[in-house]
Amino acid sequence: MSHFIPPKPAALSEKPGLIARIRASVRSSLALFQAGSYDGLAVSRFSIPTFPSLKRRWLYTVRDPAQVREMLVARPNDFPKSVMMGRMLRSLTGDSIFTTNGAVWRRQRDLIDPALEQARIKESFERMRQAADAALIDLEARRARDPVVPVCDAMTHFAADVIFRTIFSEPIEPRSGRRAFAAFKTFQTLAYAHGMVRLSGLPTLVFPGTLPAMFAAWRIRQVMKEPLDRRLAAHCAGAPPVNDILGTLLSGGAGQKGGCFCPRELLDQICMIFLAGHETSAAAMAWALYLLANSPEDQERVRREVLDAAGDGPLEFAHLRRLDFTRDVFREAMRLYPPVAFVARDTTRPECLGKREVQPESVVFIAPWLLHRNAALWTAPDEFRPCRFATEEGRASAKSAFLPFSMGARVCPGAAFAVQEGVLMLAMAVRRFDLEPVPERAPVPYAKMTLGSANGIHVRMRMRS
């Protein structure tokens, strides 16, 4: 069986100059960190000038699985979430678990975890399937207008609808969805560029996108605040509790220590869930659909698996356990295109990373994008091979060098939720449509805060009888 090799940016064969590196960093994190080869387990470094002294600031990229595990699993408190992330995201997510550290983060995590635990995911399945049914109707309408469908746009709406239904027990209103999507596109581009500019020590107001980014964040928060205010008013009026994610958060995590979130904290956490759970999941599902469109044999295997499990009837929660290959397709899509390509951590004391001495307050980037494509860790790393996860070698590689959701104490609390969402959508979409490639619109991998495509992700869809 021949395997499809999807696009990736070429590695930079030579060290780029300062101006080229600055331009690359503002455009895309993939271009910024790709100096040298995808292979090798070295800890690489590069520098940028800081203002006003023009003293060099060293940034590090870690690609050694043992070093990554040391940072994220063994010693997470010594490598807290980078201040850079707070600068990028605070206007949208406030002081949520995405940016906080220490005791504040621990309290928030204790309250968030019960809302996203396995039992809650099972209870959310029906709402998730309703969102998937609505998404298929949307895909049919898009296909009727043009058989070449921009699947990233469709998956963005689906993922946001899932979040609204599972948090608020209501679908996302189309007008609110359009407002949120447009604002998020603006925010993601500007907030990323703003964070990279701030690394150089330049004042915030030097960057012209600061105010537009803050306004875009405000618009997203307003979309989240409207249904939250309605639920808070009903809660205060004595309405019976609703069995959804917000209901768990309102109840204080089912009796967890730390009390419960105040209204401002609730809004921060909900905006965090929206940020972490809608754009990342949408990108992963869009890449998975694109990969299946370019691999007919794998697509047909997914289709057979779904039909064997559920026939033409509704997919139920119990059916998902039988969709092993479909799950491996989604995992392989996240290996090739991890939703978060690079994770930033700060150092709190002198460290030795590999053979490099690292000073406190340095920024260390953990690089799933590079780990997932390292030929020393994966067989044929650039090929789309979902079957790799069923082999002993593939399972060993996944255990040491597969972290689309990070790992350790700060592993994404919504990881199981995202996988369930992705498997459900792939299963339902492949059962309904034949997916075909669009060679003239090959995607161009492009990373800001999440990894998408600079020119969109397009798939030709044909209705199945």
Protein backbone atom coordinates (compact mmCIF):
# COMPACT_ATOMS: atom_id res chain seq x y z
CA MET A 1 0.00 0.00 0.00
CA SER A 2 1.34 3.41 -0.95
CA HIS A 3 1.11 6.11 1.69
CA PHE A 4 0.21 9.75 1.17
CA ILE A 5 2.85 12.36 2.07
CA PRO A 6 1.03 15.59 2.98
CA PRO A 7 2.67 19.02 2.75
CA LYS A 8 5.01 20.51 5.32
CA PRO A 9 7.24 23.59 5.21
CA ALA A 10 10.80 22.90 4.15
CA ALA A 11 13.39 22.99 6.91
CA LEU A 12 15.75 25.94 6.70
CA SER A 13 19.14 24.64 5.59
CA GLU A 14 21.04 27.67 6.84
CA LYS A 15 20.67 29.97 9.82
CA PRO A 16 18.53 32.89 8.70
CA GLY A 17 19.59 36.45 9.32
CA LEU A 18 18.09 38.57 12.07
CA ILE A 19 15.63 40.43 9.83
CA ALA A 20 14.51 37.19 8.18
CA ARG A 21 14.01 35.56 11.57
CA ILE A 22 11.94 38.47 12.91
CA ARG A 23 9.77 38.44 9.81
CA ALA A 24 9.38 34.66 10.06
CA SER A 25 8.42 34.86 13.72
CA VAL A 26 5.64 37.35 13.09
CA ARG A 27 4.31 35.36 10.13
CA SER A 28 4.34 31.83 11.55
CA SER A 29 5.93 29.88 14.37
CA LEU A 30 6.73 27.05 11.93
CA ALA A 31 9.08 29.31 10.00
CA LEU A 32 10.58 30.63 13.23
CA PHE A 33 11.60 27.27 14.70
CA GLN A 34 12.54 25.23 11.65
CA ALA A 35 16.19 26.24 11.36
CA GLY A 36 18.13 23.05 10.65
CA SER A 37 16.61 19.61 10.26
CA TYR A 38 13.48 17.96 11.58
CA ASP A 39 15.72 15.13 12.71
CA GLY A 40 18.02 14.85 15.70
CA LEU A 41 17.32 15.12 19.40
CA ALA A 42 19.32 18.28 20.08
CA VAL A 43 18.21 21.24 22.15
CA SER A 44 18.60 24.12 19.72
CA ARG A 45 18.75 27.81 20.51
CA PHE A 46 18.53 31.17 18.81
CA SER A 47 18.55 34.75 19.99
CA ILE A 48 16.72 38.01 19.41
CA PRO A 49 17.80 41.51 20.44
CA THR A 50 15.98 43.05 23.37
CA PHE A 51 15.29 46.75 23.64
CA PRO A 52 16.49 49.24 24.66
CA SER A 53 19.85 47.61 25.53
CA LEU A 54 20.00 45.37 22.41
CA LYS A 55 21.27 42.62 24.69
CA ARG A 56 20.64 39.16 23.24
CA ARG A 57 17.78 37.10 24.64
CA TRP A 58 18.20 33.37 24.14
CA LEU A 59 15.26 31.17 23.25
CA TYR A 60 15.48 27.37 23.24
CA THR A 61 13.67 24.61 21.38
CA VAL A 62 13.56 21.18 23.05
CA ARG A 63 13.17 18.11 20.84
CA ASP A 64 14.49 15.41 23.17
CA PRO A 65 11.62 13.23 24.54
CA ALA A 66 13.51 12.57 27.79
CA GLN A 67 14.04 16.28 28.34
CA VAL A 68 10.40 17.01 27.53
CA ARG A 69 9.28 14.44 30.09
CA GLU A 70 11.66 15.91 32.66
CA MET A 71 10.12 19.36 32.14
CA LEU A 72 6.44 18.45 31.90
CA VAL A 73 6.13 15.35 34.09
CA ALA A 74 8.95 15.25 36.63
CA ARG A 75 9.45 18.97 37.31
CA PRO A 76 6.50 21.01 36.00
CA ASN A 77 6.78 23.61 38.78
CA ASP A 78 10.32 24.46 37.68
CA PHE A 79 9.06 25.17 34.14
CA PRO A 80 5.84 27.20 34.53
CA LYS A 81 3.67 28.41 31.68
CA SER A 82 5.53 31.21 29.95
CA VAL A 83 4.73 34.83 30.76
CA MET A 84 4.62 35.25 26.99
CA MET A 85 1.42 33.18 26.88
CA GLY A 86 -0.22 35.48 29.41
CA ARG A 87 0.72 38.48 27.31
CA MET A 88 -0.83 36.89 24.25
CA LEU A 89 -4.01 35.56 25.81
CA ARG A 90 -4.99 37.47 28.95
CA SER A 91 -7.26 39.93 27.15
CA LEU A 92 -9.37 36.94 26.02
CA THR A 93 -9.01 34.28 28.70
CA GLY A 94 -8.22 36.45 31.71
CA ASP A 95 -6.58 34.58 34.58
CA SER A 96 -7.69 31.11 33.51
CA ILE A 97 -5.88 27.78 33.76
CA PHE A 98 -4.38 28.48 30.34
CA THR A 99 -2.09 31.19 31.74
CA THR A 100 -1.94 30.84 35.54
CA ASN A 101 0.65 28.95 37.58
CA GLY A 102 1.17 27.69 41.12
CA ALA A 103 -1.61 27.63 43.73
CA VAL A 104 -3.99 29.70 41.57
CA TRP A 105 -3.71 27.20 38.72
CA ARG A 106 -4.08 24.23 41.11
CA ARG A 107 -7.36 25.58 42.54
CA GLN A 108 -8.71 26.27 39.06
CA ARG A 109 -7.72 22.84 37.80
CA ASP A 110 -9.43 21.15 40.76
CA LEU A 111 -12.65 22.92 39.81
CA ILE A 112 -12.32 22.37 36.04
CA ASP A 113 -11.44 18.66 36.04
CA PRO A 114 -14.85 17.35 37.22
CA ALA A 115 -16.56 19.23 34.39
CA LEU A 116 -14.46 17.42 31.77
CA GLU A 117 -13.96 14.00 33.36
CA GLN A 118 -14.90 10.80 31.54
CA ALA A 119 -18.39 10.54 33.08
CA ARG A 120 -19.21 14.08 31.98
CA ILE A 121 -17.99 13.31 28.47
CA LYS A 122 -20.39 10.38 28.24
CA GLU A 123 -23.24 12.57 29.46
CA SER A 124 -22.33 15.20 26.83
CA PHE A 125 -22.38 12.73 23.96
CA GLU A 126 -26.00 13.32 22.95
CA ARG A 127 -25.46 17.08 22.71
CA MET A 128 -22.27 16.47 20.74
CA ARG A 129 -24.12 14.22 18.30
CA GLN A 130 -26.82 16.85 17.84
CA ALA A 131 -24.10 19.31 16.88
CA ALA A 132 -22.66 16.72 14.45
CA ASP A 133 -26.10 16.22 12.86
CA ALA A 134 -26.36 19.99 12.37
CA ALA A 135 -22.82 20.04 10.95
CA LEU A 136 -23.71 17.39 8.34
CA ILE A 137 -26.67 19.49 7.23
CA ASP A 138 -24.31 22.45 6.94
CA LEU A 139 -21.83 20.38 4.91
CA GLU A 140 -24.61 19.27 2.57
CA ALA A 141 -25.63 22.89 2.02
CA ARG A 142 -22.05 23.93 1.38
CA ARG A 143 -21.54 21.04 -1.04
CA ALA A 144 -24.73 21.95 -2.92
CA ARG A 145 -23.33 25.45 -3.50
CA ASP A 146 -19.85 24.21 -4.42
CA PRO A 147 -18.59 20.61 -4.21
CA VAL A 148 -15.19 21.92 -3.10
CA VAL A 149 -15.88 22.57 0.57
CA PRO A 150 -13.68 24.69 2.89
CA VAL A 151 -13.76 22.12 5.67
CA CYS A 152 -11.84 24.25 8.16
CA ASP A 153 -14.68 26.81 8.16
CA ALA A 154 -17.28 24.06 8.58
CA MET A 155 -15.34 22.37 11.38
CA THR A 156 -14.85 25.71 13.15
CA HIS A 157 -18.62 26.17 13.33
CA PHE A 158 -19.12 22.56 14.42
CA ALA A 159 -16.53 22.78 17.21
CA ALA A 160 -18.02 26.05 18.49
CA ASP A 161 -21.50 24.54 18.39
CA VAL A 162 -20.26 21.56 20.42
CA ILE A 163 -18.85 23.92 23.04
CA PHE A 164 -22.09 25.89 23.30
CA ARG A 165 -24.26 22.78 23.52
CA THR A 166 -22.06 21.04 26.10
CA ILE A 167 -21.40 24.14 28.22
CA PHE A 168 -24.69 26.03 27.94
CA SER A 169 -27.09 23.30 26.72
CA GLU A 170 -28.01 25.42 23.72
CA PRO A 171 -26.76 25.61 20.11
CA ILE A 172 -24.66 28.54 19.04
CA GLU A 173 -26.79 31.24 17.46
CA PRO A 174 -25.63 31.84 13.84
CA ARG A 175 -25.14 35.58 14.27
CA SER A 176 -23.14 35.05 17.47
CA GLY A 177 -21.10 32.40 15.73
CA ARG A 178 -20.19 34.72 12.88
CA ARG A 179 -19.19 37.44 15.35
CA ALA A 180 -17.02 35.06 17.35
CA PHE A 181 -15.32 33.47 14.32
CA ALA A 182 -14.46 36.80 12.70
CA ALA A 183 -13.15 38.18 15.99
CA PHE A 184 -11.12 35.07 16.70
CA LYS A 185 -9.35 35.20 13.34
CA THR A 186 -8.33 38.76 14.12
CA PHE A 187 -7.34 37.93 17.67
CA GLN A 188 -5.25 34.87 16.83
CA THR A 189 -3.13 36.68 14.26
CA LEU A 190 -2.63 39.87 16.23
CA ALA A 191 -2.18 38.27 19.66
CA TYR A 192 0.51 35.93 18.35
CA ALA A 193 2.40 38.73 16.62
CA HIS A 194 2.04 40.91 19.73
CA GLY A 195 3.52 38.17 21.92
CA MET A 196 6.51 37.71 19.62
CA VAL A 197 7.13 41.47 19.51
CA ARG A 198 6.99 41.62 23.31
CA LEU A 199 9.75 39.00 23.51
CA SER A 200 12.09 41.69 22.23
CA GLY A 201 11.17 44.02 25.09
CA LEU A 202 9.36 46.56 22.95
CA PRO A 203 6.51 48.39 24.73
CA THR A 204 3.00 47.20 23.98
CA LEU A 205 1.86 50.37 22.24
CA VAL A 206 4.66 50.09 19.66
CA PHE A 207 2.74 47.21 18.08
CA PRO A 208 -0.15 48.61 16.02
CA GLY A 209 -2.30 45.50 16.48
CA THR A 210 -2.63 45.81 20.27
CA LEU A 211 -5.92 47.71 20.35
CA PRO A 212 -7.58 45.68 17.53
CA ALA A 213 -6.58 42.46 19.35
CA MET A 214 -8.07 43.72 22.61
CA PHE A 215 -11.29 44.71 20.82
CA ALA A 216 -11.51 41.29 19.14
CA ALA A 217 -11.05 39.62 22.55
CA TRP A 218 -13.83 41.81 24.00
CA ARG A 219 -16.19 40.78 21.19
CA ILE A 220 -15.54 37.07 21.84
CA ARG A 221 -16.05 37.53 25.57
CA GLN A 222 -19.39 39.23 24.87
CA VAL A 223 -20.54 36.23 22.81
CA MET A 224 -19.69 33.96 25.77
CA LYS A 225 -21.07 36.37 28.37
CA GLU A 226 -24.61 36.54 26.97
CA PRO A 227 -25.56 32.86 27.58
CA LEU A 228 -23.55 32.86 30.82
CA ASP A 229 -25.54 35.82 32.16
CA ARG A 230 -28.79 34.06 31.30
CA ARG A 231 -27.76 30.94 33.19
CA LEU A 232 -26.47 32.90 36.19
CA ALA A 233 -29.77 34.77 36.40
CA ALA A 234 -31.72 31.50 36.27
CA HIS A 235 -29.38 29.96 38.85
CA CYS A 236 -29.88 32.88 41.24
CA ALA A 237 -33.65 32.66 40.73
CA GLY A 238 -33.63 29.07 41.98
CA ALA A 239 -33.97 27.25 38.65
CA PRO A 240 -33.19 23.51 38.86
CA PRO A 241 -29.57 22.65 37.99
CA VAL A 242 -28.73 21.68 34.42
CA ASN A 243 -26.55 18.64 33.85
CA ASP A 244 -23.90 20.21 31.62
CA ILE A 245 -20.37 21.58 31.96
CA LEU A 246 -21.53 24.96 33.25
CA GLY A 247 -23.77 23.21 35.76
CA THR A 248 -20.74 21.43 37.19
CA LEU A 249 -18.73 24.65 37.31
CA LEU A 250 -21.60 26.44 39.09
CA SER A 251 -21.77 23.69 41.68
CA GLY A 252 -18.12 24.16 42.60
CA GLY A 253 -16.79 21.05 40.93
CA ALA A 254 -19.11 18.72 42.83
CA GLY A 255 -17.70 19.60 46.23
CA GLN A 256 -14.04 20.02 45.32
CA LYS A 257 -11.84 22.10 47.59
CA GLY A 258 -11.52 25.74 46.61
CA GLY A 259 -15.20 26.66 46.62
CA CYS A 260 -16.58 27.71 43.26
CA PHE A 261 -15.83 30.24 40.57
CA CYS A 262 -17.14 33.78 40.83
CA PRO A 263 -18.91 35.16 37.69
CA ARG A 264 -15.72 36.79 36.35
CA GLU A 265 -13.75 33.58 36.87
CA LEU A 266 -16.49 31.60 35.16
CA LEU A 267 -16.29 33.85 32.11
CA ASP A 268 -12.49 33.52 32.05
CA GLN A 269 -12.67 29.71 32.18
CA ILE A 270 -15.41 29.51 29.55
CA CYS A 271 -13.41 31.75 27.21
CA MET A 272 -10.42 29.49 27.86
CA ILE A 273 -12.47 26.42 26.92
CA PHE A 274 -13.65 28.20 23.79
CA LEU A 275 -10.09 29.16 22.83
CA ALA A 276 -8.56 25.77 23.66
CA GLY A 277 -11.43 23.63 22.43
CA HIS A 278 -12.84 25.18 19.30
CA GLU A 279 -10.00 26.33 17.05
CA THR A 280 -7.67 23.45 17.97
CA SER A 281 -10.34 20.78 17.49
CA ALA A 282 -11.54 22.39 14.27
CA ALA A 283 -8.04 22.40 12.80
CA ALA A 284 -7.42 18.76 13.77
CA MET A 285 -10.72 17.61 12.22
CA ALA A 286 -10.14 19.61 9.04
CA TRP A 287 -6.66 18.13 8.62
CA ALA A 288 -8.06 14.63 9.23
CA LEU A 289 -10.73 15.08 6.53
CA TYR A 290 -8.07 16.37 4.13
CA LEU A 291 -5.81 13.38 4.85
CA LEU A 292 -8.63 10.89 4.31
CA ALA A 293 -9.56 12.60 1.04
CA ASN A 294 -6.02 11.93 -0.17
CA SER A 295 -5.93 8.34 1.09
CA PRO A 296 -8.90 6.44 -0.44
CA GLU A 297 -7.97 3.08 1.10
CA ASP A 298 -7.89 4.51 4.60
CA GLN A 299 -11.13 6.36 3.94
CA GLU A 300 -12.84 3.17 2.86
CA ARG A 301 -11.52 1.36 5.93
CA VAL A 302 -13.04 4.03 8.17
CA ARG A 303 -16.33 3.73 6.31
CA ARG A 304 -16.44 -0.05 6.70
CA GLU A 305 -15.63 0.27 10.39
CA VAL A 306 -18.47 2.74 10.97
CA LEU A 307 -20.98 0.68 9.01
CA ASP A 308 -19.96 -2.48 10.86
CA ALA A 309 -20.41 -0.71 14.20
CA ALA A 310 -23.62 1.24 13.61
CA GLY A 311 -24.95 0.50 10.14
CA ASP A 312 -27.04 3.37 8.83
CA GLY A 313 -28.50 4.16 12.24
CA PRO A 314 -27.53 6.86 14.72
CA LEU A 315 -24.07 6.59 16.21
CA GLU A 316 -24.31 5.89 19.93
CA PHE A 317 -21.71 6.37 22.63
CA ALA A 318 -21.10 2.60 22.83
CA HIS A 319 -20.28 2.49 19.09
CA LEU A 320 -17.23 4.72 19.58
CA ARG A 321 -15.42 1.90 21.37
CA ARG A 322 -15.49 -0.09 18.14
CA LEU A 323 -14.01 2.69 15.99
CA ASP A 324 -10.36 1.95 16.70
CA PHE A 325 -9.06 2.72 13.22
CA THR A 326 -11.10 5.92 12.98
CA ARG A 327 -9.54 7.00 16.28
CA ASP A 328 -6.09 6.20 14.88
CA VAL A 329 -6.82 8.38 11.84
CA PHE A 330 -7.59 11.29 14.14
CA ARG A 331 -4.45 10.62 16.18
CA GLU A 332 -2.34 10.47 13.02
CA ALA A 333 -3.80 13.79 11.88
CA MET A 334 -2.75 15.30 15.22
CA ARG A 335 0.70 13.75 14.89
CA LEU A 336 1.27 15.29 11.47
CA TYR A 337 -0.47 18.56 12.34
CA PRO A 338 -0.50 19.00 16.14
CA PRO A 339 -3.08 21.72 16.92
CA VAL A 340 -0.54 23.49 19.13
CA ALA A 341 2.78 23.20 17.33
CA PHE A 342 4.94 24.72 20.07
CA VAL A 343 4.44 25.07 23.84
CA ALA A 344 6.28 27.82 25.76
CA ARG A 345 7.71 27.41 29.26
CA ASP A 346 9.87 29.73 31.37
CA THR A 347 12.90 28.71 33.41
CA THR A 348 12.94 29.67 37.09
CA ARG A 349 16.57 28.79 37.86
CA PRO A 350 19.77 27.84 36.02
CA GLU A 351 19.19 24.68 34.01
CA CYS A 352 21.12 22.26 31.86
CA LEU A 353 19.10 21.29 28.79
CA GLY A 354 21.02 18.69 26.89
CA LYS A 355 24.51 20.19 26.69
CA ARG A 356 23.30 23.77 26.96
CA GLU A 357 23.45 25.95 30.05
CA VAL A 358 20.21 27.92 30.35
CA GLN A 359 19.77 30.99 32.51
CA PRO A 360 16.67 31.82 34.59
CA GLU A 361 13.83 33.67 32.82
CA SER A 362 14.67 32.09 29.48
CA VAL A 363 11.85 30.90 27.23
CA VAL A 364 11.96 27.21 26.33
CA PHE A 365 9.74 25.96 23.51
CA ILE A 366 8.67 22.32 23.54
CA ALA A 367 8.09 21.34 19.94
CA PRO A 368 5.42 18.70 19.18
CA TRP A 369 5.67 19.73 15.50
CA LEU A 370 9.31 18.59 15.45
CA LEU A 371 8.97 15.65 17.85
CA HIS A 372 6.15 14.17 15.77
CA ARG A 373 8.25 14.31 12.59
CA ASN A 374 11.58 13.09 13.93
CA ALA A 375 12.87 10.14 11.90
CA ALA A 376 14.77 8.84 14.92
CA LEU A 377 11.46 8.42 16.75
CA TRP A 378 8.96 7.55 14.02
CA THR A 379 9.08 5.30 10.96
CA ALA A 380 8.41 7.30 7.78
CA PRO A 381 7.41 10.34 9.87
CA ASP A 382 6.18 12.45 6.96
CA GLU A 383 3.76 9.80 5.68
CA PHE A 384 0.09 9.52 6.64
CA ARG A 385 0.02 6.08 8.27
CA PRO A 386 -2.83 5.72 10.78
CA CYS A 387 -2.06 2.01 11.05
CA ARG A 388 1.20 2.85 12.85
CA PHE A 389 -0.63 3.21 16.17
CA ALA A 390 -1.69 -0.45 16.06
CA THR A 391 1.93 -1.67 15.91
CA GLU A 392 4.25 -2.23 18.85
CA GLU A 393 6.76 0.20 17.35
CA GLY A 394 4.10 2.86 16.85
CA ARG A 395 2.78 2.48 20.38
CA ALA A 396 6.30 2.89 21.76
CA SER A 397 6.82 6.03 19.69
CA ALA A 398 3.47 7.40 20.82
CA LYS A 399 4.34 6.79 24.46
CA SER A 400 7.58 8.75 24.25
CA ALA A 401 7.02 11.36 21.54
CA PHE A 402 3.32 12.05 20.97
CA LEU A 403 1.95 15.05 22.82
CA PRO A 404 -0.81 16.88 20.93
CA PHE A 405 -2.39 17.58 24.33
CA SER A 406 0.89 18.11 26.21
CA MET A 407 1.57 15.72 29.13
CA GLY A 408 2.07 15.62 32.87
CA ALA A 409 0.22 17.79 35.39
CA ARG A 410 -0.77 20.32 32.74
CA VAL A 411 -2.07 17.85 30.18
CA CYS A 412 -5.14 19.29 28.45
CA PRO A 413 -8.19 18.46 30.62
CA GLY A 414 -10.33 18.28 27.48
CA ALA A 415 -8.20 15.72 25.63
CA ALA A 416 -10.73 12.86 25.81
CA PHE A 417 -13.50 15.32 24.93
CA ALA A 418 -11.63 16.44 21.79
CA VAL A 419 -10.87 12.88 20.66
CA GLN A 420 -14.51 11.87 21.08
CA GLU A 421 -15.60 14.91 19.07
CA GLY A 422 -13.09 14.18 16.30
CA VAL A 423 -13.91 10.47 16.01
CA LEU A 424 -17.65 11.21 15.93
CA MET A 425 -17.31 13.79 13.16
CA LEU A 426 -14.98 11.67 11.02
CA ALA A 427 -17.27 8.66 11.33
CA MET A 428 -20.42 10.58 10.42
CA ALA A 429 -18.80 12.57 7.60
CA VAL A 430 -17.20 9.55 5.89
CA ARG A 431 -20.43 7.57 6.14
CA ARG A 432 -22.32 10.42 4.45
CA PHE A 433 -19.78 11.67 1.86
CA ASP A 434 -17.09 10.48 -0.50
CA LEU A 435 -14.07 12.72 0.18
CA GLU A 436 -11.80 13.57 -2.73
CA PRO A 437 -8.63 15.66 -2.98
CA VAL A 438 -8.35 19.09 -4.58
CA PRO A 439 -4.74 19.10 -5.84
CA GLU A 440 -4.82 22.69 -7.05
CA ARG A 441 -5.66 23.84 -3.51
CA ALA A 442 -3.06 21.98 -1.49
CA PRO A 443 -2.94 23.45 2.03
CA VAL A 444 0.05 25.43 3.30
CA PRO A 445 0.76 24.61 6.98
CA TYR A 446 0.80 27.80 8.98
CA ALA A 447 0.97 28.25 12.74
CA LYS A 448 0.07 31.16 14.95
CA MET A 449 -1.39 30.01 18.25
CA THR A 450 -2.85 26.98 16.46
CA LEU A 451 -1.71 25.09 13.37
CA GLY A 452 -3.90 25.62 10.35
CA SER A 453 -3.39 26.39 6.68
CA ALA A 454 -2.55 29.76 5.18
CA ASN A 455 -4.88 29.13 2.23
CA GLY A 456 -7.58 27.08 3.95
CA ILE A 457 -8.22 23.34 3.82
CA HIS A 458 -10.42 22.19 0.95
CA VAL A 459 -12.00 18.80 0.20
CA ARG A 460 -14.26 17.79 -2.68
CA MET A 461 -17.39 16.12 -1.31
CA ARG A 462 -19.84 13.84 -3.08
CA MET A 463 -23.03 12.57 -1.47
CA ARG A 464 -23.27 8.83 -0.96
CA SER A 465 -26.57 7.09 -1.58
